[in-house]
Amino acid sequence: GRRGLHVTLLGFGAAPIGELYQRVSDDEGC
């Protein structure tokens, strides 16, 4: 963006730990 935030080239998309397509336990998700 335009506000000076710095992010790593590789980020983390958290849709799969919301059980996208498959069940994921709390322990595994965290």
Full PDB file with SEQRES, HELIX, SHEET, SSBOND, CRYST1, ORIGX, SCALE, CONECT and MASTER records, all heavy atoms in Angstrom:
SEQRES   1 A   30  GLY ARG ARG GLY LEU HIS VAL THR LEU LEU GLY PHE GLY          
SEQRES   2 A   30  ALA ALA PRO ILE GLY GLU LEU TYR GLN ARG VAL SER ASP          
SEQRES   3 A   30  ASP GLU GLY CYS                                              
HELIX    1 AA1 PRO A   16  GLY A   18  5                                   3    
HELIX    2 AA2 ASP A   26  GLY A   29  1                                   4    
CRYST1    1.000    1.000    1.000  90.00  90.00  90.00 P 1           1          
ORIGX1      1.000000  0.000000  0.000000        0.00000                         
ORIGX2      0.000000  1.000000  0.000000        0.00000                         
ORIGX3      0.000000  0.000000  1.000000        0.00000                         
SCALE1      1.000000  0.000000  0.000000        0.00000                         
SCALE2      0.000000  1.000000  0.000000        0.00000                         
SCALE3      0.000000  0.000000  1.000000        0.00000                         
ATOM      1  N   GLY A   1       0.802  -1.216   0.000  1.00  0.00           N  
ATOM      2  CA  GLY A   1       0.000   0.000   0.000  1.00  0.00           C  
ATOM      3  C   GLY A   1       0.831   1.260   0.000  1.00  0.00           C  
ATOM      4  O   GLY A   1       2.018   1.268  -0.344  1.00  0.00           O  
ATOM      5  N   ARG A   2       0.199   2.338   0.439  1.00  0.00           N  
ATOM      6  CA  ARG A   2       0.821   3.667   0.366  1.00  0.00           C  
ATOM      7  C   ARG A   2       1.095   4.246   1.741  1.00  0.00           C  
ATOM      8  O   ARG A   2       1.318   5.449   1.877  1.00  0.00           O  
ATOM      9  CB  ARG A   2      -0.103   4.607  -0.418  1.00  0.00           C  
ATOM     10  CG  ARG A   2      -0.358   4.150  -1.838  1.00  0.00           C  
ATOM     11  CD  ARG A   2      -1.370   5.024  -2.558  1.00  0.00           C  
ATOM     12  NE  ARG A   2      -2.706   4.872  -1.997  1.00  0.00           N  
ATOM     13  CZ  ARG A   2      -3.758   5.580  -2.408  1.00  0.00           C  
ATOM     14  NH1 ARG A   2      -3.616   6.481  -3.352  1.00  0.00           N  
ATOM     15  NH2 ARG A   2      -4.943   5.387  -1.875  1.00  0.00           N  
ATOM     16  N   ARG A   3       1.091   3.382   2.787  1.00  0.00           N  
ATOM     17  CA  ARG A   3       1.192   3.881   4.159  1.00  0.00           C  
ATOM     18  C   ARG A   3       2.418   3.347   4.897  1.00  0.00           C  
ATOM     19  O   ARG A   3       2.486   3.423   6.120  1.00  0.00           O  
ATOM     20  CB  ARG A   3      -0.070   3.515   4.930  1.00  0.00           C  
ATOM     21  CG  ARG A   3      -1.365   3.786   4.183  1.00  0.00           C  
ATOM     22  CD  ARG A   3      -1.725   5.252   4.127  1.00  0.00           C  
ATOM     23  NE  ARG A   3      -2.726   5.512   3.090  1.00  0.00           N  
ATOM     24  CZ  ARG A   3      -3.388   6.636   2.966  1.00  0.00           C  
ATOM     25  NH1 ARG A   3      -3.175   7.616   3.812  1.00  0.00           N  
ATOM     26  NH2 ARG A   3      -4.249   6.807   1.985  1.00  0.00           N  
ATOM     27  N   GLY A   4       3.361   2.767   4.151  1.00  0.00           N  
ATOM     28  CA  GLY A   4       4.619   2.381   4.778  1.00  0.00           C  
ATOM     29  C   GLY A   4       4.638   1.040   5.465  1.00  0.00           C  
ATOM     30  O   GLY A   4       5.590   0.741   6.194  1.00  0.00           O  
ATOM     31  N   LEU A   5       3.627   0.195   5.263  1.00  0.00           N  
ATOM     32  CA  LEU A   5       3.648  -1.145   5.835  1.00  0.00           C  
ATOM     33  C   LEU A   5       4.619  -2.030   5.058  1.00  0.00           C  
ATOM     34  O   LEU A   5       4.688  -1.963   3.826  1.00  0.00           O  
ATOM     35  CB  LEU A   5       2.260  -1.783   5.781  1.00  0.00           C  
ATOM     36  CG  LEU A   5       1.198  -1.246   6.734  1.00  0.00           C  
ATOM     37  CD1 LEU A   5      -0.148  -1.871   6.393  1.00  0.00           C  
ATOM     38  CD2 LEU A   5       1.569  -1.563   8.177  1.00  0.00           C  
ATOM     39  N   HIS A   6       5.367  -2.863   5.769  1.00  0.00           N  
ATOM     40  CA  HIS A   6       6.289  -3.787   5.127  1.00  0.00           C  
ATOM     41  C   HIS A   6       5.833  -5.221   5.395  1.00  0.00           C  
ATOM     42  O   HIS A   6       5.546  -5.587   6.537  1.00  0.00           O  
ATOM     43  CB  HIS A   6       7.718  -3.592   5.637  1.00  0.00           C  
ATOM     44  CG  HIS A   6       8.368  -2.357   5.098  1.00  0.00           C  
ATOM     45  ND1 HIS A   6       8.090  -1.097   5.594  1.00  0.00           N  
ATOM     46  CD2 HIS A   6       9.265  -2.185   4.084  1.00  0.00           C  
ATOM     47  CE1 HIS A   6       8.805  -0.200   4.925  1.00  0.00           C  
ATOM     48  NE2 HIS A   6       9.512  -0.838   4.005  1.00  0.00           N  
ATOM     49  N   VAL A   7       5.767  -6.016   4.313  1.00  0.00           N  
ATOM     50  CA  VAL A   7       5.336  -7.409   4.424  1.00  0.00           C  
ATOM     51  C   VAL A   7       6.369  -8.308   3.754  1.00  0.00           C  
ATOM     52  O   VAL A   7       7.100  -7.882   2.861  1.00  0.00           O  
ATOM     53  CB  VAL A   7       3.956  -7.626   3.772  1.00  0.00           C  
ATOM     54  CG1 VAL A   7       2.875  -6.853   4.511  1.00  0.00           C  
ATOM     55  CG2 VAL A   7       3.964  -7.246   2.294  1.00  0.00           C  
ATOM     56  N   THR A   8       6.417  -9.550   4.189  1.00  0.00           N  
ATOM     57  CA  THR A   8       7.309 -10.515   3.559  1.00  0.00           C  
ATOM     58  C   THR A   8       6.765 -10.930   2.198  1.00  0.00           C  
ATOM     59  O   THR A   8       5.556 -10.944   1.969  1.00  0.00           O  
ATOM     60  CB  THR A   8       7.484 -11.755   4.450  1.00  0.00           C  
ATOM     61  OG1 THR A   8       6.197 -12.173   4.946  1.00  0.00           O  
ATOM     62  CG2 THR A   8       8.389 -11.449   5.625  1.00  0.00           C  
ATOM     63  N   LEU A   9       7.677 -11.260   1.279  1.00  0.00           N  
ATOM     64  CA  LEU A   9       7.252 -11.724  -0.042  1.00  0.00           C  
ATOM     65  C   LEU A   9       6.290 -12.899   0.079  1.00  0.00           C  
ATOM     66  O   LEU A   9       5.319 -12.991  -0.657  1.00  0.00           O  
ATOM     67  CB  LEU A   9       8.467 -12.139  -0.876  1.00  0.00           C  
ATOM     68  CG  LEU A   9       9.467 -11.061  -1.266  1.00  0.00           C  
ATOM     69  CD1 LEU A   9      10.552 -11.665  -2.156  1.00  0.00           C  
ATOM     70  CD2 LEU A   9       8.794  -9.908  -1.984  1.00  0.00           C  
ATOM     71  N   LEU A  10       6.588 -13.797   0.989  1.00  0.00           N  
ATOM     72  CA  LEU A  10       5.716 -14.939   1.244  1.00  0.00           C  
ATOM     73  C   LEU A  10       4.847 -14.624   2.452  1.00  0.00           C  
ATOM     74  O   LEU A  10       5.343 -14.401   3.555  1.00  0.00           O  
ATOM     75  CB  LEU A  10       6.541 -16.199   1.521  1.00  0.00           C  
ATOM     76  CG  LEU A  10       5.741 -17.462   1.840  1.00  0.00           C  
ATOM     77  CD1 LEU A  10       4.871 -17.871   0.658  1.00  0.00           C  
ATOM     78  CD2 LEU A  10       6.680 -18.609   2.231  1.00  0.00           C  
ATOM     79  N   GLY A  11       3.551 -14.565   2.215  1.00  0.00           N  
ATOM     80  CA  GLY A  11       2.606 -14.372   3.305  1.00  0.00           C  
ATOM     81  C   GLY A  11       1.872 -15.657   3.621  1.00  0.00           C  
ATOM     82  O   GLY A  11       2.181 -16.731   3.079  1.00  0.00           O  
ATOM     83  N   PHE A  12       0.879 -15.545   4.477  1.00  0.00           N  
ATOM     84  CA  PHE A  12       0.110 -16.715   4.921  1.00  0.00           C  
ATOM     85  C   PHE A  12      -1.371 -16.458   4.677  1.00  0.00           C  
ATOM     86  O   PHE A  12      -1.946 -15.510   5.231  1.00  0.00           O  
ATOM     87  CB  PHE A  12       0.353 -16.963   6.414  1.00  0.00           C  
ATOM     88  CG  PHE A  12      -0.418 -18.141   6.964  1.00  0.00           C  
ATOM     89  CD1 PHE A  12       0.082 -19.426   6.863  1.00  0.00           C  
ATOM     90  CD2 PHE A  12      -1.648 -17.960   7.583  1.00  0.00           C  
ATOM     91  CE1 PHE A  12      -0.619 -20.508   7.369  1.00  0.00           C  
ATOM     92  CE2 PHE A  12      -2.362 -19.025   8.095  1.00  0.00           C  
ATOM     93  CZ  PHE A  12      -1.845 -20.314   7.986  1.00  0.00           C  
ATOM     94  N   GLY A  13      -1.985 -17.283   3.851  1.00  0.00           N  
ATOM     95  CA  GLY A  13      -3.419 -17.218   3.611  1.00  0.00           C  
ATOM     96  C   GLY A  13      -4.141 -18.168   4.552  1.00  0.00           C  
ATOM     97  O   GLY A  13      -3.887 -19.374   4.538  1.00  0.00           O  
ATOM     98  N   ALA A  14      -5.045 -17.637   5.357  1.00  0.00           N  
ATOM     99  CA  ALA A  14      -5.640 -18.413   6.453  1.00  0.00           C  
ATOM    100  C   ALA A  14      -6.982 -19.037   6.115  1.00  0.00           C  
ATOM    101  O   ALA A  14      -7.681 -19.512   7.020  1.00  0.00           O  
ATOM    102  CB  ALA A  14      -5.778 -17.526   7.692  1.00  0.00           C  
ATOM    103  N   ALA A  15      -7.364 -19.077   4.842  1.00  0.00           N  
ATOM    104  CA  ALA A  15      -8.618 -19.751   4.494  1.00  0.00           C  
ATOM    105  C   ALA A  15      -8.585 -21.248   4.833  1.00  0.00           C  
ATOM    106  O   ALA A  15      -9.566 -21.772   5.391  1.00  0.00           O  
ATOM    107  CB  ALA A  15      -8.948 -19.537   3.021  1.00  0.00           C  
ATOM    108  N   PRO A  16      -7.506 -21.974   4.538  1.00  0.00           N  
ATOM    109  CA  PRO A  16      -7.527 -23.416   4.820  1.00  0.00           C  
ATOM    110  C   PRO A  16      -7.717 -23.773   6.294  1.00  0.00           C  
ATOM    111  O   PRO A  16      -8.347 -24.792   6.601  1.00  0.00           O  
ATOM    112  CB  PRO A  16      -6.162 -23.893   4.309  1.00  0.00           C  
ATOM    113  CG  PRO A  16      -5.831 -22.940   3.215  1.00  0.00           C  
ATOM    114  CD  PRO A  16      -6.322 -21.611   3.712  1.00  0.00           C  
ATOM    115  N   ILE A  17      -7.223 -22.940   7.215  1.00  0.00           N  
ATOM    116  CA  ILE A  17      -7.437 -23.274   8.619  1.00  0.00           C  
ATOM    117  C   ILE A  17      -8.850 -22.920   9.066  1.00  0.00           C  
ATOM    118  O   ILE A  17      -9.242 -23.226  10.191  1.00  0.00           O  
ATOM    119  CB  ILE A  17      -6.386 -22.615   9.547  1.00  0.00           C  
ATOM    120  CG1 ILE A  17      -6.511 -21.090   9.534  1.00  0.00           C  
ATOM    121  CG2 ILE A  17      -4.982 -23.070   9.178  1.00  0.00           C  
ATOM    122  CD1 ILE A  17      -5.700 -20.417  10.637  1.00  0.00           C  
ATOM    123  N   GLY A  18      -9.631 -22.321   8.174  1.00  0.00           N  
ATOM    124  CA  GLY A  18     -11.070 -22.164   8.381  1.00  0.00           C  
ATOM    125  C   GLY A  18     -11.840 -23.356   7.839  1.00  0.00           C  
ATOM    126  O   GLY A  18     -13.055 -23.305   7.721  1.00  0.00           O  
ATOM    127  N   GLU A  19     -11.124 -24.408   7.482  1.00  0.00           N  
ATOM    128  CA  GLU A  19     -11.677 -25.682   7.007  1.00  0.00           C  
ATOM    129  C   GLU A  19     -12.212 -25.574   5.582  1.00  0.00           C  
ATOM    130  O   GLU A  19     -13.307 -26.009   5.264  1.00  0.00           O  
ATOM    131  CB  GLU A  19     -12.717 -26.238   7.980  1.00  0.00           C  
ATOM    132  CG  GLU A  19     -12.135 -26.449   9.366  1.00  0.00           C  
ATOM    133  CD  GLU A  19     -13.023 -27.219  10.332  1.00  0.00           C  
ATOM    134  OE1 GLU A  19     -14.253 -26.985  10.317  1.00  0.00           O  
ATOM    135  OE2 GLU A  19     -12.490 -28.038  11.089  1.00  0.00           O  
ATOM    136  N   LEU A  20     -11.385 -24.998   4.719  1.00  0.00           N  
ATOM    137  CA  LEU A  20     -11.648 -24.971   3.294  1.00  0.00           C  
ATOM    138  C   LEU A  20     -11.450 -26.378   2.732  1.00  0.00           C  
ATOM    139  O   LEU A  20     -10.340 -26.919   2.771  1.00  0.00           O  
ATOM    140  CB  LEU A  20     -10.688 -23.991   2.618  1.00  0.00           C  
ATOM    141  CG  LEU A  20     -10.773 -23.844   1.105  1.00  0.00           C  
ATOM    142  CD1 LEU A  20     -12.108 -23.230   0.698  1.00  0.00           C  
ATOM    143  CD2 LEU A  20      -9.614 -22.992   0.585  1.00  0.00           C  
ATOM    144  N   TYR A  21     -12.516 -26.979   2.269  1.00  0.00           N  
ATOM    145  CA  TYR A  21     -12.534 -28.317   1.664  1.00  0.00           C  
ATOM    146  C   TYR A  21     -12.334 -29.466   2.654  1.00  0.00           C  
ATOM    147  O   TYR A  21     -12.762 -30.578   2.390  1.00  0.00           O  
ATOM    148  CB  TYR A  21     -11.482 -28.471   0.556  1.00  0.00           C  
ATOM    149  CG  TYR A  21     -11.584 -27.496  -0.562  1.00  0.00           C  
ATOM    150  CD1 TYR A  21     -10.464 -26.783  -0.983  1.00  0.00           C  
ATOM    151  CD2 TYR A  21     -12.795 -27.259  -1.215  1.00  0.00           C  
ATOM    152  CE1 TYR A  21     -10.545 -25.874  -2.030  1.00  0.00           C  
ATOM    153  CE2 TYR A  21     -12.880 -26.340  -2.262  1.00  0.00           C  
ATOM    154  CZ  TYR A  21     -11.749 -25.656  -2.660  1.00  0.00           C  
ATOM    155  OH  TYR A  21     -11.827 -24.758  -3.688  1.00  0.00           O  
ATOM    156  N   GLN A  22     -11.649 -29.249   3.756  1.00  0.00           N  
ATOM    157  CA  GLN A  22     -11.344 -30.350   4.667  1.00  0.00           C  
ATOM    158  C   GLN A  22     -11.334 -29.874   6.116  1.00  0.00           C  
ATOM    159  O   GLN A  22     -11.088 -28.714   6.401  1.00  0.00           O  
ATOM    160  CB  GLN A  22      -9.971 -30.953   4.333  1.00  0.00           C  
ATOM    161  CG  GLN A  22      -8.821 -29.962   4.488  1.00  0.00           C  
ATOM    162  CD  GLN A  22      -7.469 -30.540   4.111  1.00  0.00           C  
ATOM    163  OE1 GLN A  22      -7.312 -31.752   4.018  1.00  0.00           O  
ATOM    164  NE2 GLN A  22      -6.489 -29.682   3.903  1.00  0.00           N  
ATOM    165  N   ARG A  23     -11.626 -30.798   7.012  1.00  0.00           N  
ATOM    166  CA  ARG A  23     -11.596 -30.501   8.440  1.00  0.00           C  
ATOM    167  C   ARG A  23     -10.158 -30.302   8.911  1.00  0.00           C  
ATOM    168  O   ARG A  23      -9.231 -30.988   8.459  1.00  0.00           O  
ATOM    169  CB  ARG A  23     -12.229 -31.644   9.236  1.00  0.00           C  
ATOM    170  CG  ARG A  23     -13.720 -31.811   8.985  1.00  0.00           C  
ATOM    171  CD  ARG A  23     -14.506 -30.844   9.829  1.00  0.00           C  
ATOM    172  NE  ARG A  23     -15.940 -31.099   9.772  1.00  0.00           N  
ATOM    173  CZ  ARG A  23     -16.837 -30.498  10.532  1.00  0.00           C  
ATOM    174  NH1 ARG A  23     -16.458 -29.576  11.412  1.00  0.00           N  
ATOM    175  NH2 ARG A  23     -18.117 -30.782  10.425  1.00  0.00           N  
ATOM    176  N   VAL A  24      -9.980 -29.370   9.830  1.00  0.00           N  
ATOM    177  CA  VAL A  24      -8.681 -29.102  10.437  1.00  0.00           C  
ATOM    178  C   VAL A  24      -8.925 -28.906  11.925  1.00  0.00           C  
ATOM    179  O   VAL A  24      -9.799 -28.129  12.321  1.00  0.00           O  
ATOM    180  CB  VAL A  24      -8.023 -27.835   9.845  1.00  0.00           C  
ATOM    181  CG1 VAL A  24      -6.694 -27.544  10.525  1.00  0.00           C  
ATOM    182  CG2 VAL A  24      -7.843 -27.976   8.340  1.00  0.00           C  
ATOM    183  N   SER A  25      -8.166 -29.598  12.754  1.00  0.00           N  
ATOM    184  CA  SER A  25      -8.364 -29.467  14.198  1.00  0.00           C  
ATOM    185  C   SER A  25      -7.848 -28.121  14.691  1.00  0.00           C  
ATOM    186  O   SER A  25      -7.033 -27.459  14.033  1.00  0.00           O  
ATOM    187  CB  SER A  25      -7.639 -30.587  14.933  1.00  0.00           C  
ATOM    188  OG  SER A  25      -6.231 -30.408  14.870  1.00  0.00           O  
ATOM    189  N   ASP A  26      -8.314 -27.730  15.883  1.00  0.00           N  
ATOM    190  CA  ASP A  26      -7.819 -26.486  16.485  1.00  0.00           C  
ATOM    191  C   ASP A  26      -6.306 -26.532  16.656  1.00  0.00           C  
ATOM    192  O   ASP A  26      -5.605 -25.554  16.342  1.00  0.00           O  
ATOM    193  CB  ASP A  26      -8.480 -26.257  17.847  1.00  0.00           C  
ATOM    194  CG  ASP A  26      -9.901 -25.725  17.735  1.00  0.00           C  
ATOM    195  OD1 ASP A  26     -10.228 -25.114  16.702  1.00  0.00           O  
ATOM    196  OD2 ASP A  26     -10.678 -25.927  18.674  1.00  0.00           O  
ATOM    197  N   ASP A  27      -5.804 -27.650  17.153  1.00  0.00           N  
ATOM    198  CA  ASP A  27      -4.363 -27.765  17.387  1.00  0.00           C  
ATOM    199  C   ASP A  27      -3.583 -27.639  16.081  1.00  0.00           C  
ATOM    200  O   ASP A  27      -2.565 -26.935  16.021  1.00  0.00           O  
ATOM    201  CB  ASP A  27      -4.035 -29.098  18.056  1.00  0.00           C  
ATOM    202  CG  ASP A  27      -4.469 -29.152  19.521  1.00  0.00           C  
ATOM    203  OD1 ASP A  27      -4.762 -28.069  20.090  1.00  0.00           O  
ATOM    204  OD2 ASP A  27      -4.526 -30.259  20.077  1.00  0.00           O  
ATOM    205  N   GLU A  28      -4.065 -28.307  15.041  1.00  0.00           N  
ATOM    206  CA  GLU A  28      -3.363 -28.263  13.757  1.00  0.00           C  
ATOM    207  C   GLU A  28      -3.442 -26.865  13.147  1.00  0.00           C  
ATOM    208  O   GLU A  28      -2.455 -26.349  12.612  1.00  0.00           O  
ATOM    209  CB  GLU A  28      -3.975 -29.290  12.801  1.00  0.00           C  
ATOM    210  CG  GLU A  28      -3.250 -29.418  11.472  1.00  0.00           C  
ATOM    211  CD  GLU A  28      -2.044 -30.334  11.520  1.00  0.00           C  
ATOM    212  OE1 GLU A  28      -1.573 -30.653  12.630  1.00  0.00           O  
ATOM    213  OE2 GLU A  28      -1.558 -30.728  10.448  1.00  0.00           O  
ATOM    214  N   GLY A  29      -4.607 -26.234  13.233  1.00  0.00           N  
ATOM    215  CA  GLY A  29      -4.757 -24.908  12.670  1.00  0.00           C  
ATOM    216  C   GLY A  29      -3.836 -23.897  13.328  1.00  0.00           C  
ATOM    217  O   GLY A  29      -3.152 -23.112  12.658  1.00  0.00           O  
ATOM    218  N   CYS A  30      -3.800 -23.904  14.650  1.00  0.00           N  
ATOM    219  CA  CYS A  30      -2.945 -22.952  15.371  1.00  0.00           C  
ATOM    220  C   CYS A  30      -1.464 -23.269  15.163  1.00  0.00           C  
ATOM    221  O   CYS A  30      -0.635 -22.362  15.024  1.00  0.00           O  
ATOM    222  CB  CYS A  30      -3.300 -22.960  16.855  1.00  0.00           C  
ATOM    223  SG  CYS A  30      -4.954 -22.312  17.202  1.00  0.00           S  
TER     224      CYS A  30                                                      
MASTER        0    0    0    2    0    0    0    6  223    1    0    3          
END                                                                             
